[in-house]
Amino acid sequence: MDKKYNEVDYIISYEAGELRGRDVLVLFSNLLESGKVWNLQGSYGRMAKILIDRGYLSIGGKILKEA
């Protein structure tokens, strides 16, 4: 997404299957940093865990490598 980060817009795009690469990392980075990822539906927590386990994000939400 070319526009400034807007959480709702990113979530809508993610749900629609339109978010790719770095934008997915930006979304989950912000959700992890705020802790919101654990309050959303379970698929968000599972995706966060996958991104952490594969070394893309730290548990605190820092982007460690690019997608």
PDB file of N, CA and C in Angstrom:
ATOM      1  N   MET A   1       0.856  -1.185   0.000  1.00  0.00           N
ATOM      2  CA  MET A   1       0.000   0.000   0.000  1.00  0.00           C
ATOM      3  C   MET A   1       0.889   1.231   0.000  1.00  0.00           C
ATOM      4  N   ASP A   2       0.583   2.150  -0.827  1.00  0.00           N
ATOM      5  CA  ASP A   2       1.425   3.328  -0.967  1.00  0.00           C
ATOM      6  C   ASP A   2       1.126   4.400   0.063  1.00  0.00           C
ATOM      7  N   LYS A   3      -0.039   4.342   0.666  1.00  0.00           N
ATOM      8  CA  LYS A   3      -0.412   5.404   1.599  1.00  0.00           C
ATOM      9  C   LYS A   3       0.173   5.161   2.984  1.00  0.00           C
ATOM     10  N   LYS A   4       0.105   6.169   3.809  1.00  0.00           N
ATOM     11  CA  LYS A   4       0.576   6.076   5.175  1.00  0.00           C
ATOM     12  C   LYS A   4      -0.179   4.957   5.896  1.00  0.00           C
ATOM     13  N   TYR A   5       0.464   4.289   6.839  1.00  0.00           N
ATOM     14  CA  TYR A   5      -0.140   3.173   7.560  1.00  0.00           C
ATOM     15  C   TYR A   5      -1.437   3.589   8.238  1.00  0.00           C
ATOM     16  N   ASN A   6      -2.498   2.871   7.915  1.00  0.00           N
ATOM     17  CA  ASN A   6      -3.797   3.020   8.563  1.00  0.00           C
ATOM     18  C   ASN A   6      -4.245   1.601   8.894  1.00  0.00           C
ATOM     19  N   GLU A   7      -4.296   1.295  10.183  1.00  0.00           N
ATOM     20  CA  GLU A   7      -4.547  -0.064  10.632  1.00  0.00           C
ATOM     21  C   GLU A   7      -5.816  -0.671  10.028  1.00  0.00           C
ATOM     22  N   VAL A   8      -6.900   0.070  10.034  1.00  0.00           N
ATOM     23  CA  VAL A   8      -8.161  -0.454   9.504  1.00  0.00           C
ATOM     24  C   VAL A   8      -8.036  -0.766   8.013  1.00  0.00           C
ATOM     25  N   ASP A   9      -7.443   0.145   7.254  1.00  0.00           N
ATOM     26  CA  ASP A   9      -7.261  -0.093   5.816  1.00  0.00           C
ATOM     27  C   ASP A   9      -6.396  -1.327   5.567  1.00  0.00           C
ATOM     28  N   TYR A  10      -5.337  -1.486   6.361  1.00  0.00           N
ATOM     29  CA  TYR A  10      -4.457  -2.636   6.201  1.00  0.00           C
ATOM     30  C   TYR A  10      -5.199  -3.929   6.526  1.00  0.00           C
ATOM     31  N   ILE A  11      -5.982  -3.933   7.593  1.00  0.00           N
ATOM     32  CA  ILE A  11      -6.730  -5.129   7.969  1.00  0.00           C
ATOM     33  C   ILE A  11      -7.751  -5.483   6.883  1.00  0.00           C
ATOM     34  N   ILE A  12      -8.447  -4.492   6.376  1.00  0.00           N
ATOM     35  CA  ILE A  12      -9.419  -4.742   5.301  1.00  0.00           C
ATOM     36  C   ILE A  12      -8.719  -5.319   4.077  1.00  0.00           C
ATOM     37  N   SER A  13      -7.589  -4.757   3.702  1.00  0.00           N
ATOM     38  CA  SER A  13      -6.835  -5.268   2.551  1.00  0.00           C
ATOM     39  C   SER A  13      -6.316  -6.677   2.811  1.00  0.00           C
ATOM     40  N   TYR A  14      -5.865  -6.937   4.039  1.00  0.00           N
ATOM     41  CA  TYR A  14      -5.378  -8.269   4.402  1.00  0.00           C
ATOM     42  C   TYR A  14      -6.520  -9.278   4.304  1.00  0.00           C
ATOM     43  N   GLU A  15      -7.668  -8.932   4.858  1.00  0.00           N
ATOM     44  CA  GLU A  15      -8.831  -9.827   4.826  1.00  0.00           C
ATOM     45  C   GLU A  15      -9.281 -10.113   3.389  1.00  0.00           C
ATOM     46  N   ALA A  16      -9.127  -9.140   2.508  1.00  0.00           N
ATOM     47  CA  ALA A  16      -9.525  -9.293   1.107  1.00  0.00           C
ATOM     48  C   ALA A  16      -8.464 -10.026   0.280  1.00  0.00           C
ATOM     49  N   GLY A  17      -7.331 -10.361   0.901  1.00  0.00           N
ATOM     50  CA  GLY A  17      -6.263 -11.050   0.191  1.00  0.00           C
ATOM     51  C   GLY A  17      -5.446 -10.140  -0.710  1.00  0.00           C
ATOM     52  N   GLU A  18      -5.511  -8.836  -0.459  1.00  0.00           N
ATOM     53  CA  GLU A  18      -4.840  -7.862  -1.315  1.00  0.00           C
ATOM     54  C   GLU A  18      -3.503  -7.371  -0.757  1.00  0.00           C
ATOM     55  N   LEU A  19      -3.147  -7.758   0.453  1.00  0.00           N
ATOM     56  CA  LEU A  19      -1.917  -7.285   1.082  1.00  0.00           C
ATOM     57  C   LEU A  19      -0.797  -8.271   0.776  1.00  0.00           C
ATOM     58  N   ARG A  20       0.357  -7.774   0.399  1.00  0.00           N
ATOM     59  CA  ARG A  20       1.486  -8.622   0.018  1.00  0.00           C
ATOM     60  C   ARG A  20       2.785  -8.121   0.644  1.00  0.00           C
ATOM     61  N   GLY A  21       3.751  -9.016   0.703  1.00  0.00           N
ATOM     62  CA  GLY A  21       5.126  -8.689   1.068  1.00  0.00           C
ATOM     63  C   GLY A  21       5.302  -7.815   2.286  1.00  0.00           C
ATOM     64  N   ARG A  22       5.980  -6.711   2.088  1.00  0.00           N
ATOM     65  CA  ARG A  22       6.309  -5.814   3.189  1.00  0.00           C
ATOM     66  C   ARG A  22       5.062  -5.294   3.898  1.00  0.00           C
ATOM     67  N   ASP A  23       3.984  -5.088   3.166  1.00  0.00           N
ATOM     68  CA  ASP A  23       2.769  -4.578   3.793  1.00  0.00           C
ATOM     69  C   ASP A  23       2.208  -5.551   4.824  1.00  0.00           C
ATOM     70  N   VAL A  24       2.323  -6.849   4.568  1.00  0.00           N
ATOM     71  CA  VAL A  24       1.905  -7.844   5.562  1.00  0.00           C
ATOM     72  C   VAL A  24       2.780  -7.719   6.803  1.00  0.00           C
ATOM     73  N   LEU A  25       4.077  -7.554   6.581  1.00  0.00           N
ATOM     74  CA  LEU A  25       4.995  -7.401   7.712  1.00  0.00           C
ATOM     75  C   LEU A  25       4.695  -6.132   8.497  1.00  0.00           C
ATOM     76  N   VAL A  26       4.395  -5.044   7.813  1.00  0.00           N
ATOM     77  CA  VAL A  26       4.066  -3.783   8.491  1.00  0.00           C
ATOM     78  C   VAL A  26       2.821  -3.960   9.352  1.00  0.00           C
ATOM     79  N   LEU A  27       1.794  -4.586   8.792  1.00  0.00           N
ATOM     80  CA  LEU A  27       0.558  -4.822   9.550  1.00  0.00           C
ATOM     81  C   LEU A  27       0.845  -5.636  10.801  1.00  0.00           C
ATOM     82  N   PHE A  28       1.484  -6.785  10.645  1.00  0.00           N
ATOM     83  CA  PHE A  28       1.710  -7.655  11.795  1.00  0.00           C
ATOM     84  C   PHE A  28       2.736  -7.077  12.766  1.00  0.00           C
ATOM     85  N   SER A  29       3.682  -6.311  12.270  1.00  0.00           N
ATOM     86  CA  SER A  29       4.613  -5.616  13.145  1.00  0.00           C
ATOM     87  C   SER A  29       3.858  -4.679  14.079  1.00  0.00           C
ATOM     88  N   ASN A  30       2.966  -3.889  13.515  1.00  0.00           N
ATOM     89  CA  ASN A  30       2.195  -2.954  14.319  1.00  0.00           C
ATOM     90  C   ASN A  30       1.235  -3.669  15.263  1.00  0.00           C
ATOM     91  N   LEU A  31       0.617  -4.741  14.799  1.00  0.00           N
ATOM     92  CA  LEU A  31      -0.304  -5.495  15.658  1.00  0.00           C
ATOM     93  C   LEU A  31       0.447  -6.157  16.813  1.00  0.00           C
ATOM     94  N   LEU A  32       1.659  -6.647  16.559  1.00  0.00           N
ATOM     95  CA  LEU A  32       2.469  -7.231  17.629  1.00  0.00           C
ATOM     96  C   LEU A  32       2.935  -6.164  18.617  1.00  0.00           C
ATOM     97  N   GLU A  33       3.413  -5.031  18.099  1.00  0.00           N
ATOM     98  CA  GLU A  33       3.889  -3.955  18.972  1.00  0.00           C
ATOM     99  C   GLU A  33       2.792  -3.480  19.919  1.00  0.00           C
ATOM    100  N   SER A  34       1.576  -3.389  19.418  1.00  0.00           N
ATOM    101  CA  SER A  34       0.462  -2.900  20.237  1.00  0.00           C
ATOM    102  C   SER A  34      -0.167  -3.995  21.092  1.00  0.00           C
ATOM    103  N   GLY A  35       0.112  -5.254  20.757  1.00  0.00           N
ATOM    104  CA  GLY A  35      -0.506  -6.379  21.456  1.00  0.00           C
ATOM    105  C   GLY A  35      -1.890  -6.727  20.925  1.00  0.00           C
ATOM    106  N   LYS A  36      -2.377  -5.960  19.967  1.00  0.00           N
ATOM    107  CA  LYS A  36      -3.727  -6.189  19.425  1.00  0.00           C
ATOM    108  C   LYS A  36      -3.860  -7.521  18.717  1.00  0.00           C
ATOM    109  N   VAL A  37      -2.754  -8.042  18.182  1.00  0.00           N
ATOM    110  CA  VAL A  37      -2.812  -9.286  17.414  1.00  0.00           C
ATOM    111  C   VAL A  37      -3.428 -10.413  18.238  1.00  0.00           C
ATOM    112  N   TRP A  38      -3.231 -10.382  19.559  1.00  0.00           N
ATOM    113  CA  TRP A  38      -3.728 -11.461  20.417  1.00  0.00           C
ATOM    114  C   TRP A  38      -5.200 -11.278  20.768  1.00  0.00           C
ATOM    115  N   ASN A  39      -5.782 -10.137  20.431  1.00  0.00           N
ATOM    116  CA  ASN A  39      -7.197  -9.877  20.698  1.00  0.00           C
ATOM    117  C   ASN A  39      -8.076 -10.024  19.457  1.00  0.00           C
ATOM    118  N   LEU A  40      -7.461 -10.204  18.304  1.00  0.00           N
ATOM    119  CA  LEU A  40      -8.203 -10.398  17.065  1.00  0.00           C
ATOM    120  C   LEU A  40      -8.515 -11.885  16.896  1.00  0.00           C
ATOM    121  N   GLN A  41      -9.245 -12.223  15.848  1.00  0.00           N
ATOM    122  CA  GLN A  41      -9.572 -13.632  15.606  1.00  0.00           C
ATOM    123  C   GLN A  41      -8.291 -14.460  15.542  1.00  0.00           C
ATOM    124  N   GLY A  42      -8.418 -15.733  15.811  1.00  0.00           N
ATOM    125  CA  GLY A  42      -7.274 -16.621  15.950  1.00  0.00           C
ATOM    126  C   GLY A  42      -6.322 -16.673  14.783  1.00  0.00           C
ATOM    127  N   SER A  43      -6.820 -16.453  13.572  1.00  0.00           N
ATOM    128  CA  SER A  43      -5.936 -16.534  12.405  1.00  0.00           C
ATOM    129  C   SER A  43      -4.839 -15.470  12.454  1.00  0.00           C
ATOM    130  N   TYR A  44      -5.102 -14.348  13.101  1.00  0.00           N
ATOM    131  CA  TYR A  44      -4.075 -13.299  13.218  1.00  0.00           C
ATOM    132  C   TYR A  44      -2.954 -13.759  14.140  1.00  0.00           C
ATOM    133  N   GLY A  45      -3.293 -14.358  15.244  1.00  0.00           N
ATOM    134  CA  GLY A  45      -2.270 -14.875  16.154  1.00  0.00           C
ATOM    135  C   GLY A  45      -1.455 -15.974  15.511  1.00  0.00           C
ATOM    136  N   ARG A  46      -2.139 -16.841  14.764  1.00  0.00           N
ATOM    137  CA  ARG A  46      -1.424 -17.921  14.078  1.00  0.00           C
ATOM    138  C   ARG A  46      -0.472 -17.369  13.022  1.00  0.00           C
ATOM    139  N   MET A  47      -0.913 -16.376  12.254  1.00  0.00           N
ATOM    140  CA  MET A  47      -0.036 -15.780  11.241  1.00  0.00           C
ATOM    141  C   MET A  47       1.141 -15.067  11.910  1.00  0.00           C
ATOM    142  N   ALA A  48       0.883 -14.380  13.007  1.00  0.00           N
ATOM    143  CA  ALA A  48       1.969 -13.707  13.729  1.00  0.00           C
ATOM    144  C   ALA A  48       3.012 -14.735  14.171  1.00  0.00           C
ATOM    145  N   LYS A  49       2.546 -15.857  14.698  1.00  0.00           N
ATOM    146  CA  LYS A  49       3.472 -16.904  15.136  1.00  0.00           C
ATOM    147  C   LYS A  49       4.282 -17.449  13.968  1.00  0.00           C
ATOM    148  N   ILE A  50       3.639 -17.645  12.826  1.00  0.00           N
ATOM    149  CA  ILE A  50       4.362 -18.118  11.629  1.00  0.00           C
ATOM    150  C   ILE A  50       5.449 -17.121  11.240  1.00  0.00           C
ATOM    151  N   LEU A  51       5.108 -15.826  11.213  1.00  0.00           N
ATOM    152  CA  LEU A  51       6.085 -14.801  10.836  1.00  0.00           C
ATOM    153  C   LEU A  51       7.234 -14.722  11.839  1.00  0.00           C
ATOM    154  N   ILE A  52       6.936 -14.929  13.105  1.00  0.00           N
ATOM    155  CA  ILE A  52       7.979 -14.950  14.140  1.00  0.00           C
ATOM    156  C   ILE A  52       8.852 -16.189  13.971  1.00  0.00           C
ATOM    157  N   ASP A  53       8.216 -17.354  13.848  1.00  0.00           N
ATOM    158  CA  ASP A  53       8.960 -18.621  13.722  1.00  0.00           C
ATOM    159  C   ASP A  53       9.850 -18.656  12.490  1.00  0.00           C
ATOM    160  N   ARG A  54       9.431 -17.982  11.424  1.00  0.00           N
ATOM    161  CA  ARG A  54      10.230 -17.979  10.184  1.00  0.00           C
ATOM    162  C   ARG A  54      11.255 -16.852  10.149  1.00  0.00           C
ATOM    163  N   GLY A  55      11.327 -16.074  11.233  1.00  0.00           N
ATOM    164  CA  GLY A  55      12.369 -15.064  11.357  1.00  0.00           C
ATOM    165  C   GLY A  55      12.087 -13.728  10.697  1.00  0.00           C
ATOM    166  N   TYR A  56      10.831 -13.501  10.282  1.00  0.00           N
ATOM    167  CA  TYR A  56      10.492 -12.221   9.663  1.00  0.00           C
ATOM    168  C   TYR A  56      10.252 -11.127  10.696  1.00  0.00           C
ATOM    169  N   LEU A  57       9.697 -11.507  11.845  1.00  0.00           N
ATOM    170  CA  LEU A  57       9.379 -10.536  12.901  1.00  0.00           C
ATOM    171  C   LEU A  57       9.883 -11.040  14.239  1.00  0.00           C
ATOM    172  N   SER A  58      10.226 -10.097  15.114  1.00  0.00           N
ATOM    173  CA  SER A  58      10.530 -10.458  16.491  1.00  0.00           C
ATOM    174  C   SER A  58       9.211 -10.539  17.255  1.00  0.00           C
ATOM    175  N   ILE A  59       9.238 -11.141  18.421  1.00  0.00           N
ATOM    176  CA  ILE A  59       8.020 -11.248  19.225  1.00  0.00           C
ATOM    177  C   ILE A  59       7.486  -9.868  19.609  1.00  0.00           C
ATOM    178  N   GLY A  60       8.374  -8.880  19.639  1.00  0.00           N
ATOM    179  CA  GLY A  60       7.968  -7.510  19.949  1.00  0.00           C
ATOM    180  C   GLY A  60       7.488  -6.725  18.736  1.00  0.00           C
ATOM    181  N   GLY A  61       7.599  -7.335  17.552  1.00  0.00           N
ATOM    182  CA  GLY A  61       7.083  -6.700  16.357  1.00  0.00           C
ATOM    183  C   GLY A  61       8.119  -6.064  15.438  1.00  0.00           C
ATOM    184  N   LYS A  62       9.388  -6.176  15.770  1.00  0.00           N
ATOM    185  CA  LYS A  62      10.415  -5.588  14.906  1.00  0.00           C
ATOM    186  C   LYS A  62      10.556  -6.438  13.637  1.00  0.00           C
ATOM    187  N   ILE A  63      10.600  -5.763  12.477  1.00  0.00           N
ATOM    188  CA  ILE A  63      10.813  -6.458  11.206  1.00  0.00           C
ATOM    189  C   ILE A  63      12.291  -6.839  11.124  1.00  0.00           C
ATOM    190  N   LEU A  64      12.553  -8.152  11.011  1.00  0.00           N
ATOM    191  CA  LEU A  64      13.921  -8.660  11.027  1.00  0.00           C
ATOM    192  C   LEU A  64      14.477  -8.922   9.626  1.00  0.00           C
ATOM    193  N   LYS A  65      13.590  -9.259   8.689  1.00  0.00           N
ATOM    194  CA  LYS A  65      14.014  -9.462   7.307  1.00  0.00           C
ATOM    195  C   LYS A  65      12.815  -9.218   6.405  1.00  0.00           C
ATOM    196  N   GLU A  66      13.088  -8.945   5.160  1.00  0.00           N
ATOM    197  CA  GLU A  66      12.023  -8.615   4.204  1.00  0.00           C
ATOM    198  C   GLU A  66      11.415  -9.878   3.609  1.00  0.00           C
ATOM    199  N   ALA A  67      10.171  -9.770   3.247  1.00  0.00           N
ATOM    200  CA  ALA A  67       9.452 -10.894   2.626  1.00  0.00           C
ATOM    201  C   ALA A  67       9.723 -10.924   1.150  1.00  0.00           C
TER     202      ALA A  67
END
